[in-house]
Amino acid sequence: MKIFAFIICFFCLFHFNNPVQAQQYHAFHGSPYAGALSILNNPASSVNNLHKWDLNLFSFQTTVSTNHFLLEGFSYRNPGNTRFKVEEGVQSYFGHQSTDFNLMHFQYQINPKSAITVGFRGRMYDHYKATPFAFSDTITTTYSFFNLNRTTPSIGGFLNHSGYLEMNLSYAQELLSTPYGRLTGGITLQIDKAISGGYSKIKNVSTREVINGTDTNYVFIDGIMEYAYSDNYDLNYTGGADFAKAFVKNSKTGLGLSVGLEYTTYKDPVEPGTRYNPLNYDWKFGFSIMDIGANKYKPSTSSGIYSDPVAQFDYKDFENKFGNAASVAEFKDSLKTVFNGYDSIYNNFSISKPTRVILNVDKNLGNHFAVNAQLSLNLYSTSNYTQLRTRETNLITITPRWENISWGFYLPVQYNTQGQLWIGAAVKLGPLTMGFHDFSGGKTIKSVNGGGYLSLSIHPFNKKKVLTRLDCPD
């Protein structure tokens, strides 16, 4: 459990200090140099990696996709001149954010036909969506918000949050082979600790404008509100170590599963009794179903459902009752005074993992050049108001690359589920790989979208010994 405690300390520190936080390492997809991180895309791929064993010391990635957060005055040369702002107008707002932190992923090829991988991860997903409403930089008070939205029929939306620790236990095996190709299969068992979960929903929140002489008031006439968060946050703790231990100890344990197949063809026939050369492949065809399962959370005692606003409850009451709330418990007590209907939430709530089907094709062009194409299809949507889901934003990604055992350059082009086109870049410098998801955007205004990744891996032998091993018989 000490390793889990270490991860949660780092994980929470990283998340709460980085608003742009995820999980697709495009540079590694289809690559024979991917090492231990290859199982995050397809558990069957570890048999086809170059290194007999690989230790990924750490890696993390961040991805964010929004339609309203902007960076005004942005430039790569002078990032200090950037000003954060929210796009004005009337629109439906959405945001998707995910964090992925990996620690000590160890991969070992038992023999040329099988491999195992063990590793630890921290993962966090946030999704929110709101029905169309008006927003402007002139909004500074509750009154100005409702005044600007006086013609908006109603306001609604939701937010889902899921954070969990994960241990990966993966096994891959050759299933079928011929002189010109082989089929491998793999499975990853995920043991989860659901450390942080929550959701909130509002529906049909509407007001009526009441004008009395020179005084204008806004009275709530309808609305439903529901929120819940994991009871970990009700715990008392005194410091970072106590915080980590308490969260891990009081979180629920769950299981997840990922499965995959990979068929590889080779340019030259492989003679019986000799080893398949991972660098001499022609095509790779991958199919995987990733992150099957869900995490359960026990709701805090402050969680509840509220409906039917009290008659004549207006924005002034709203400011007076909630402006000085010092805790969630006080916030809940205030809600009870302004809604006729309310009830606590006692039952555990589940939030699905980002279950998806991945189709991957990789073509070796020779002279260290290759191109990878990937289609990622989420099985769940996060736009459903009644369901608690998480998902990835990846859809179609094309990644040309040049790489050898020491160096690599990657140019992923991605069209994501939100209809956004991202043009990224990555570089491998020995054991270090780093990249960004999106370098596109205007010079004066750029959406807060994209993210990046960083990975550090080590191998036991030098380049000559690794390549010599490929020439040895089984």
Protein backbone atom coordinates (compact mmCIF):
# COMPACT_ATOMS: atom_id res chain seq x y z
CA MET A 1 0.00 0.00 0.00
CA LYS A 2 2.99 2.34 0.35
CA ILE A 3 3.29 2.58 -3.43
CA PHE A 4 -0.37 3.62 -3.65
CA ALA A 5 0.19 6.27 -0.97
CA PHE A 6 3.11 7.71 -2.93
CA ILE A 7 1.09 7.86 -6.13
CA ILE A 8 -1.88 9.62 -4.54
CA CYS A 9 0.38 12.31 -3.01
CA PHE A 10 2.00 13.07 -6.36
CA PHE A 11 -1.24 12.65 -8.28
CA CYS A 12 -3.26 15.11 -6.23
CA LEU A 13 -0.45 17.65 -6.17
CA PHE A 14 -0.10 17.47 -9.97
CA HIS A 15 -3.83 17.70 -10.64
CA PHE A 16 -4.70 20.58 -8.35
CA ASN A 17 -1.83 22.70 -9.65
CA ASN A 18 -2.43 22.06 -13.37
CA PRO A 19 -5.78 23.08 -14.86
CA VAL A 20 -4.92 21.47 -18.21
CA GLN A 21 -4.58 17.86 -17.43
CA ALA A 22 -4.70 12.59 -19.77
CA GLN A 23 -3.94 9.59 -21.63
CA GLN A 24 -2.94 8.95 -25.28
CA TYR A 25 0.76 8.62 -26.01
CA HIS A 26 0.50 8.95 -29.79
CA ALA A 27 4.25 8.61 -30.37
CA PHE A 28 4.20 5.02 -29.04
CA HIS A 29 1.26 3.66 -31.03
CA GLY A 30 2.41 0.77 -33.22
CA SER A 31 6.09 1.39 -32.46
CA PRO A 32 8.35 -1.62 -31.73
CA TYR A 33 10.18 0.66 -29.27
CA ALA A 34 7.05 1.43 -27.23
CA GLY A 35 8.01 -0.83 -24.35
CA ALA A 36 5.85 -1.14 -21.24
CA LEU A 37 3.48 1.69 -22.25
CA SER A 38 2.30 -0.29 -25.30
CA ILE A 39 -0.26 -2.15 -23.16
CA LEU A 40 -2.11 1.14 -22.56
CA ASN A 41 -3.21 0.96 -26.19
CA ASN A 42 -3.31 -2.81 -26.82
CA PRO A 43 -2.38 -5.55 -24.30
CA ALA A 44 -1.36 -7.85 -27.17
CA SER A 45 1.42 -5.58 -28.41
CA SER A 46 4.04 -6.32 -25.74
CA VAL A 47 5.17 -9.53 -27.48
CA ASN A 48 6.12 -7.49 -30.55
CA ASN A 49 8.32 -4.96 -28.72
CA LEU A 50 12.05 -4.77 -29.37
CA HIS A 51 13.40 -4.86 -25.82
CA LYS A 52 13.41 -8.05 -23.80
CA TRP A 53 12.58 -5.94 -20.79
CA ASP A 54 11.63 -2.34 -20.38
CA LEU A 55 11.14 -0.18 -17.30
CA ASN A 56 9.12 2.98 -17.69
CA LEU A 57 10.16 4.95 -14.60
CA PHE A 58 7.38 7.47 -15.00
CA SER A 59 5.19 9.08 -17.62
CA PHE A 60 2.28 11.46 -17.63
CA GLN A 61 0.02 13.06 -20.15
CA THR A 62 -2.58 15.79 -20.13
CA THR A 63 -5.44 16.44 -22.51
CA VAL A 64 -8.16 19.08 -22.43
CA SER A 65 -10.91 19.93 -24.91
CA THR A 66 -13.23 22.93 -24.48
CA ASN A 67 -15.25 25.30 -26.65
CA HIS A 68 -15.11 28.46 -24.56
CA PHE A 69 -11.81 28.96 -22.70
CA LEU A 70 -9.45 31.15 -24.70
CA LEU A 71 -5.92 32.46 -24.43
CA GLU A 72 -5.88 36.03 -25.73
CA GLY A 73 -2.58 37.40 -26.97
CA PHE A 74 -1.08 33.92 -27.01
CA SER A 75 2.27 33.26 -28.71
CA TYR A 76 4.91 30.63 -28.18
CA ARG A 77 7.65 33.27 -28.09
CA ASN A 78 5.98 35.46 -25.44
CA PRO A 79 3.66 33.26 -23.35
CA GLY A 80 3.83 35.81 -20.51
CA ASN A 81 1.60 38.18 -22.50
CA THR A 82 -1.27 35.67 -22.54
CA ARG A 83 -4.57 36.59 -20.90
CA PHE A 84 -7.12 33.95 -19.95
CA LYS A 85 -10.72 34.68 -20.90
CA VAL A 86 -14.07 33.02 -21.55
CA GLU A 87 -15.66 33.36 -24.97
CA GLU A 88 -18.70 35.64 -24.92
CA GLY A 89 -22.09 35.00 -26.48
CA VAL A 90 -24.84 32.42 -26.21
CA GLN A 91 -23.80 28.81 -26.58
CA SER A 92 -23.80 25.37 -25.02
CA TYR A 93 -20.61 24.97 -23.03
CA PHE A 94 -18.60 21.77 -22.71
CA GLY A 95 -15.27 20.65 -21.30
CA HIS A 96 -13.39 17.35 -21.18
CA GLN A 97 -10.23 16.86 -19.18
CA SER A 98 -8.22 13.79 -18.24
CA THR A 99 -5.00 13.04 -16.41
CA ASP A 100 -2.80 9.99 -16.70
CA PHE A 101 0.24 9.42 -14.49
CA ASN A 102 2.18 6.15 -14.73
CA LEU A 103 4.81 4.91 -12.32
CA MET A 104 7.19 1.94 -12.57
CA HIS A 105 5.67 0.04 -15.50
CA PHE A 106 7.86 -3.04 -15.93
CA GLN A 107 7.65 -5.25 -19.02
CA TYR A 108 9.49 -8.56 -19.46
CA GLN A 109 9.45 -10.92 -22.44
CA ILE A 110 9.50 -14.39 -20.90
CA ASN A 111 10.42 -15.80 -24.31
CA PRO A 112 9.86 -14.69 -27.93
CA LYS A 113 6.24 -15.83 -27.66
CA SER A 114 5.04 -14.34 -24.36
CA ALA A 115 5.45 -11.27 -22.17
CA ILE A 116 4.22 -9.84 -18.87
CA THR A 117 3.80 -6.24 -17.72
CA VAL A 118 3.18 -4.82 -14.24
CA GLY A 119 2.68 -1.16 -13.38
CA PHE A 120 0.88 1.50 -11.35
CA ARG A 121 -1.21 4.40 -12.59
CA GLY A 122 -3.16 7.40 -11.39
CA ARG A 123 -6.07 8.53 -13.59
CA MET A 124 -8.55 11.39 -13.41
CA TYR A 125 -11.43 12.38 -15.70
CA ASP A 126 -13.67 15.46 -15.66
CA HIS A 127 -16.54 16.14 -18.04
CA TYR A 128 -19.09 18.94 -17.98
CA LYS A 129 -21.77 20.29 -20.29
CA ALA A 130 -24.29 23.13 -19.99
CA THR A 131 -27.37 24.02 -22.00
CA PRO A 132 -27.13 27.30 -23.97
CA PHE A 133 -26.95 30.48 -21.90
CA ALA A 134 -25.48 33.95 -22.32
CA PHE A 135 -22.12 34.94 -20.94
CA SER A 136 -20.15 38.19 -20.99
CA ASP A 137 -17.10 39.66 -19.28
CA THR A 138 -19.48 42.27 -17.85
CA ILE A 139 -21.00 39.66 -15.52
CA THR A 140 -19.72 40.43 -12.03
CA THR A 141 -22.77 39.71 -9.83
CA THR A 142 -25.66 37.26 -9.60
CA TYR A 143 -28.00 40.04 -10.72
CA SER A 144 -25.98 40.77 -13.88
CA PHE A 145 -25.98 37.06 -14.78
CA PHE A 146 -29.76 36.72 -14.54
CA ASN A 147 -30.29 40.07 -16.22
CA LEU A 148 -28.23 38.95 -19.22
CA ASN A 149 -30.14 35.64 -19.28
CA ARG A 150 -33.62 37.05 -18.74
CA THR A 151 -34.71 35.64 -22.13
CA THR A 152 -33.07 32.26 -21.57
CA PRO A 153 -35.91 29.74 -21.06
CA SER A 154 -33.99 27.61 -18.54
CA ILE A 155 -30.47 26.57 -17.58
CA GLY A 156 -29.22 23.05 -17.02
CA GLY A 157 -26.08 21.02 -17.07
CA PHE A 158 -23.94 18.44 -15.33
CA LEU A 159 -20.40 17.64 -14.24
CA ASN A 160 -18.86 14.19 -13.72
CA HIS A 161 -15.56 13.59 -11.94
CA SER A 162 -13.72 10.30 -11.41
CA GLY A 163 -10.24 9.77 -9.99
CA TYR A 164 -8.70 6.42 -9.21
CA LEU A 165 -5.45 4.52 -8.70
CA GLU A 166 -4.83 1.47 -10.83
CA MET A 167 -2.50 -1.51 -10.80
CA ASN A 168 -2.02 -3.18 -14.19
CA LEU A 169 -1.25 -6.90 -14.49
CA SER A 170 -0.87 -7.78 -18.16
CA TYR A 171 -0.03 -10.95 -20.09
CA ALA A 172 0.46 -11.39 -23.86
CA GLN A 173 0.93 -14.61 -25.81
CA GLU A 174 1.50 -15.71 -29.40
CA LEU A 175 -1.68 -17.45 -30.59
CA LEU A 176 -0.87 -18.36 -34.17
CA SER A 177 2.18 -18.10 -36.43
CA THR A 178 3.24 -18.65 -40.04
CA PRO A 179 6.50 -17.85 -41.83
CA TYR A 180 5.02 -14.49 -42.90
CA GLY A 181 3.11 -13.40 -39.82
CA ARG A 182 1.72 -14.11 -36.40
CA LEU A 183 -1.27 -13.35 -34.23
CA THR A 184 -0.82 -12.34 -30.60
CA GLY A 185 -3.39 -11.87 -27.87
CA GLY A 186 -3.23 -10.04 -24.58
CA ILE A 187 -5.22 -9.26 -21.46
CA THR A 188 -4.76 -6.70 -18.70
CA LEU A 189 -6.36 -6.99 -15.28
CA GLN A 190 -6.82 -3.63 -13.59
CA ILE A 191 -7.12 -3.43 -9.81
CA ASP A 192 -8.55 -0.03 -8.91
CA LYS A 193 -8.84 2.11 -5.80
CA ALA A 194 -11.64 4.65 -6.35
CA ILE A 195 -10.21 7.58 -4.41
CA SER A 196 -12.15 10.58 -5.70
CA GLY A 197 -15.56 10.75 -7.34
CA GLY A 198 -18.40 13.18 -7.68
CA TYR A 199 -21.11 14.61 -9.86
CA SER A 200 -23.54 17.50 -9.95
CA LYS A 201 -26.67 18.09 -12.02
CA ILE A 202 -28.99 21.04 -12.45
CA LYS A 203 -32.11 20.93 -14.57
CA ASN A 204 -34.77 23.43 -15.66
CA VAL A 205 -33.44 26.29 -13.53
CA SER A 206 -35.59 29.25 -14.56
CA THR A 207 -36.44 32.69 -13.19
CA ARG A 208 -39.12 35.33 -13.65
CA GLU A 209 -38.28 39.00 -13.99
CA VAL A 210 -40.23 41.16 -11.53
CA ILE A 211 -40.16 44.94 -12.10
CA ASN A 212 -41.39 47.21 -9.33
CA GLY A 213 -40.79 50.84 -10.25
CA THR A 214 -37.04 51.24 -10.61
CA ASP A 215 -36.33 47.96 -8.84
CA THR A 216 -35.82 44.80 -10.91
CA ASN A 217 -35.77 41.41 -9.23
CA TYR A 218 -35.36 37.83 -10.44
CA VAL A 219 -37.40 35.16 -8.70
CA PHE A 220 -36.72 31.43 -9.08
CA ILE A 221 -39.78 29.57 -10.35
CA ASP A 222 -38.41 26.10 -11.14
CA GLY A 223 -35.30 23.96 -10.89
CA ILE A 224 -33.86 20.65 -9.75
CA MET A 225 -30.41 20.24 -8.24
CA GLU A 226 -28.52 17.06 -7.38
CA TYR A 227 -24.95 16.51 -6.29
CA ALA A 228 -22.85 13.84 -4.62
CA TYR A 229 -19.18 13.33 -3.90
CA SER A 230 -17.16 10.53 -2.32
CA ASP A 231 -17.03 10.44 1.45
CA ASN A 232 -13.21 10.49 1.36
CA TYR A 233 -13.50 14.26 1.55
CA ASP A 234 -15.31 14.03 4.89
CA LEU A 235 -12.21 12.55 6.51
CA ASN A 236 -10.06 14.57 8.89
CA TYR A 237 -6.35 14.57 8.16
CA THR A 238 -3.36 16.61 9.25
CA GLY A 239 -0.85 16.34 6.40
CA GLY A 240 0.09 14.91 3.04
CA ALA A 241 0.97 11.40 4.27
CA ASP A 242 -2.18 11.16 6.39
CA PHE A 243 -4.22 12.47 3.47
CA ALA A 244 -2.88 9.73 1.16
CA LYS A 245 -3.31 6.90 3.65
CA ALA A 246 -6.84 7.92 4.58
CA PHE A 247 -7.96 8.25 0.96
CA VAL A 248 -6.55 4.85 -0.02
CA LYS A 249 -7.81 3.06 3.09
CA ASN A 250 -11.37 4.38 2.81
CA SER A 251 -11.77 4.03 -0.96
CA LYS A 252 -13.52 1.14 -2.62
CA THR A 253 -11.63 -1.51 -4.60
CA GLY A 254 -12.79 -2.41 -8.09
CA LEU A 255 -11.72 -4.42 -11.11
CA GLY A 256 -11.29 -3.49 -14.75
CA LEU A 257 -10.26 -5.36 -17.87
CA SER A 258 -8.61 -4.66 -21.22
CA VAL A 259 -8.19 -7.21 -24.01
CA GLY A 260 -6.57 -7.08 -27.43
CA LEU A 261 -5.36 -8.85 -30.55
CA GLU A 262 -2.52 -7.88 -32.88
CA TYR A 263 -1.65 -9.46 -36.23
CA THR A 264 1.81 -8.72 -37.62
CA THR A 265 3.09 -9.48 -41.11
CA TYR A 266 6.79 -9.66 -41.99
CA LYS A 267 8.71 -8.60 -45.08
CA ASP A 268 10.88 -11.73 -45.14
CA PRO A 269 9.77 -15.26 -44.23
CA VAL A 270 10.78 -16.42 -40.76
CA GLU A 271 12.48 -19.79 -40.81
CA PRO A 272 11.32 -22.41 -38.29
CA GLY A 273 13.29 -22.18 -35.06
CA THR A 274 14.30 -18.55 -35.55
CA ARG A 275 13.07 -15.41 -33.86
CA TYR A 276 10.59 -12.90 -35.31
CA ASN A 277 12.41 -9.59 -35.73
CA PRO A 278 10.24 -6.78 -34.29
CA LEU A 279 11.97 -4.27 -36.57
CA ASN A 280 11.40 -6.25 -39.77
CA TYR A 281 7.62 -6.17 -39.78
CA ASP A 282 5.59 -5.00 -42.77
CA TRP A 283 2.13 -4.34 -41.33
CA LYS A 284 0.53 -4.43 -37.89
CA PHE A 285 -3.23 -4.68 -37.39
CA GLY A 286 -4.48 -4.14 -33.84
CA PHE A 287 -7.87 -4.54 -32.19
CA SER A 288 -8.47 -3.87 -28.52
CA ILE A 289 -11.26 -3.15 -26.04
CA MET A 290 -9.85 -0.95 -23.30
CA ASP A 291 -10.97 -0.13 -19.75
CA ILE A 292 -14.02 -2.33 -19.30
CA GLY A 293 -15.61 -1.66 -15.93
CA ALA A 294 -16.68 1.04 -13.48
CA ASN A 295 -15.65 2.49 -10.13
CA LYS A 296 -17.95 2.78 -7.13
CA TYR A 297 -17.96 5.60 -4.60
CA LYS A 298 -19.70 5.96 -1.26
CA PRO A 299 -21.48 9.34 -1.14
CA SER A 300 -20.70 11.96 1.48
CA THR A 301 -23.37 12.73 4.06
CA SER A 302 -23.65 16.19 2.46
CA SER A 303 -24.85 14.75 -0.86
CA GLY A 304 -28.47 15.39 -1.78
CA ILE A 305 -31.30 16.06 -4.26
CA TYR A 306 -33.35 19.29 -4.20
CA SER A 307 -36.42 20.37 -6.16
CA ASP A 308 -39.33 22.86 -6.21
CA PRO A 309 -37.88 26.26 -5.15
CA VAL A 310 -39.67 28.10 -2.35
CA ALA A 311 -42.08 30.75 -3.65
CA GLN A 312 -40.56 34.24 -4.03
CA PHE A 313 -37.01 32.95 -3.51
CA ASP A 314 -34.93 35.50 -5.43
CA TYR A 315 -31.33 36.21 -6.37
CA LYS A 316 -30.80 38.38 -3.24
CA ASP A 317 -31.74 35.43 -1.03
CA PHE A 318 -29.37 33.32 -3.12
CA GLU A 319 -26.44 35.66 -2.43
CA ASN A 320 -27.24 36.01 1.27
CA LYS A 321 -27.63 32.29 1.94
CA PHE A 322 -24.76 30.92 -0.12
CA GLY A 323 -22.27 33.77 -0.28
CA ASN A 324 -20.97 33.08 3.23
CA ALA A 325 -21.25 29.28 3.39
CA ALA A 326 -18.04 28.08 5.09
CA SER A 327 -18.48 24.35 4.46
CA VAL A 328 -20.40 21.88 2.34
CA ALA A 329 -22.57 21.04 5.36
CA GLU A 330 -23.58 24.72 5.68
CA PHE A 331 -24.23 24.81 1.94
CA LYS A 332 -26.56 21.82 2.29
CA ASP A 333 -28.40 23.40 5.23
CA SER A 334 -28.94 26.55 3.17
CA LEU A 335 -30.30 24.53 0.24
CA LYS A 336 -32.92 22.95 2.49
CA THR A 337 -34.33 26.40 3.28
CA VAL A 338 -34.88 27.37 -0.36
CA PHE A 339 -36.31 24.11 -1.76
CA ASN A 340 -39.58 22.50 -0.74
CA GLY A 341 -38.38 19.05 -1.75
CA TYR A 342 -35.07 17.59 -0.65
CA ASP A 343 -33.56 14.22 0.19
CA SER A 344 -30.14 12.85 1.05
CA ILE A 345 -28.27 10.40 -1.19
CA TYR A 346 -27.31 7.19 0.60
CA ASN A 347 -26.66 4.62 -2.14
CA ASN A 348 -23.23 4.16 -3.69
CA PHE A 349 -22.84 5.69 -7.14
CA SER A 350 -20.84 4.19 -10.02
CA ILE A 351 -18.90 6.03 -12.72
CA SER A 352 -17.89 4.05 -15.77
CA LYS A 353 -14.32 3.81 -16.98
CA PRO A 354 -13.56 5.16 -20.49
CA THR A 355 -14.47 1.92 -22.27
CA ARG A 356 -13.60 2.08 -25.96
CA VAL A 357 -12.76 0.00 -29.02
CA ILE A 358 -9.44 0.78 -30.70
CA LEU A 359 -8.55 -0.17 -34.28
CA ASN A 360 -4.90 0.39 -35.12
CA VAL A 361 -2.95 -0.04 -38.37
CA ASP A 362 0.81 0.49 -38.61
CA LYS A 363 2.86 0.39 -41.84
CA ASN A 364 6.65 0.06 -41.90
CA LEU A 365 7.92 2.21 -44.78
CA GLY A 366 11.58 1.27 -44.38
CA ASN A 367 14.66 3.34 -43.50
CA HIS A 368 13.24 3.93 -39.99
CA PHE A 369 10.07 5.57 -41.36
CA ALA A 370 6.57 4.36 -40.48
CA VAL A 371 3.03 5.66 -40.30
CA ASN A 372 0.34 4.75 -37.79
CA ALA A 373 -3.42 5.18 -38.15
CA GLN A 374 -5.83 4.74 -35.25
CA LEU A 375 -9.58 4.85 -34.78
CA SER A 376 -10.84 5.07 -31.19
CA LEU A 377 -14.57 4.53 -30.61
CA ASN A 378 -16.03 5.28 -27.18
CA LEU A 379 -18.72 2.84 -26.08
CA TYR A 380 -20.22 5.41 -23.71
CA SER A 381 -21.27 9.00 -24.18
CA THR A 382 -20.82 11.64 -21.49
CA SER A 383 -23.65 13.79 -22.89
CA ASN A 384 -26.36 11.73 -21.16
CA TYR A 385 -27.76 13.69 -18.22
CA THR A 386 -28.88 10.59 -16.31
CA GLN A 387 -25.71 8.46 -16.70
CA LEU A 388 -22.35 8.85 -14.98
CA ARG A 389 -19.70 8.18 -17.62
CA THR A 390 -16.12 8.98 -18.54
CA ARG A 391 -14.53 8.79 -21.98
CA GLU A 392 -11.54 9.73 -24.10
CA THR A 393 -11.70 12.53 -26.69
CA ASN A 394 -9.58 10.71 -29.29
CA LEU A 395 -11.28 9.68 -32.53
CA ILE A 396 -8.98 9.51 -35.57
CA THR A 397 -5.22 9.94 -35.35
CA ILE A 398 -2.58 9.66 -38.11
CA THR A 399 1.05 9.64 -36.89
CA PRO A 400 3.98 9.62 -39.32
CA ARG A 401 7.25 8.87 -37.55
CA TRP A 402 10.97 8.40 -37.97
CA GLU A 403 12.72 6.52 -35.19
CA ASN A 404 15.50 4.20 -34.27
CA ILE A 405 16.59 2.73 -30.97
CA SER A 406 17.92 6.09 -29.72
CA TRP A 407 16.09 8.89 -31.55
CA GLY A 408 12.66 9.59 -32.90
CA PHE A 409 10.45 12.31 -34.40
CA TYR A 410 6.63 12.11 -34.53
CA LEU A 411 3.95 14.27 -36.14
CA PRO A 412 0.47 13.15 -34.94
CA VAL A 413 -2.56 14.73 -36.63
CA GLN A 414 -5.77 14.18 -34.71
CA TYR A 415 -9.45 14.81 -35.35
CA ASN A 416 -11.17 14.37 -32.01
CA THR A 417 -14.71 13.64 -30.87
CA GLN A 418 -15.45 17.35 -30.42
CA GLY A 419 -14.76 18.12 -34.09
CA GLN A 420 -11.40 19.74 -33.33
CA LEU A 421 -8.33 19.26 -35.54
CA TRP A 422 -5.09 19.04 -33.58
CA ILE A 423 -1.60 19.01 -35.10
CA GLY A 424 1.02 17.83 -32.65
CA ALA A 425 4.68 16.88 -32.46
CA ALA A 426 6.92 14.69 -30.30
CA VAL A 427 10.58 13.79 -30.02
CA LYS A 428 12.50 10.87 -28.51
CA LEU A 429 15.92 11.68 -27.05
CA GLY A 430 17.33 8.39 -25.80
CA PRO A 431 15.25 7.30 -22.79
CA LEU A 432 13.16 10.51 -22.79
CA THR A 433 10.09 11.04 -24.99
CA MET A 434 8.10 14.25 -24.90
CA GLY A 435 5.44 15.82 -27.07
CA PHE A 436 2.43 18.10 -27.44
CA HIS A 437 -1.00 17.26 -28.80
CA ASP A 438 -1.64 20.56 -30.57
CA PHE A 439 0.60 23.27 -31.95
CA SER A 440 -2.09 24.79 -34.17
CA GLY A 441 -4.17 27.90 -33.42
CA GLY A 442 -4.16 31.61 -34.14
CA LYS A 443 -1.43 34.01 -33.12
CA THR A 444 -3.71 36.29 -31.09
CA ILE A 445 -6.36 33.95 -29.70
CA LYS A 446 -5.94 30.26 -29.03
CA SER A 447 -8.44 27.86 -27.46
CA VAL A 448 -7.38 26.08 -24.30
CA ASN A 449 -7.14 22.70 -26.02
CA GLY A 450 -4.50 20.05 -26.44
CA GLY A 451 -2.01 19.02 -23.79
CA GLY A 452 1.22 17.06 -23.77
CA TYR A 453 3.09 14.02 -22.51
CA LEU A 454 6.44 13.06 -21.02
CA SER A 455 7.96 9.60 -20.57
CA LEU A 456 11.23 8.24 -19.19
CA SER A 457 12.19 4.59 -19.82
CA ILE A 458 15.36 2.55 -19.32
CA HIS A 459 16.64 -0.72 -20.82
CA PRO A 460 19.28 -3.18 -19.57
CA PHE A 461 21.61 -3.36 -22.58
CA ASN A 462 23.25 -1.05 -25.06
CA LYS A 463 22.14 -0.72 -28.66
CA LYS A 464 24.60 -3.29 -30.03
CA LYS A 465 23.59 -6.02 -27.58
CA VAL A 466 19.87 -5.47 -28.16
CA LEU A 467 20.19 -5.70 -31.94
CA THR A 468 22.53 -8.70 -31.71
CA ARG A 469 19.93 -10.59 -29.68
CA LEU A 470 17.58 -10.51 -32.67
CA ASP A 471 19.99 -12.60 -34.70
CA CYS A 472 20.15 -15.38 -32.11
CA PRO A 473 17.97 -18.49 -32.52
CA ASP A 474 15.22 -19.27 -30.00
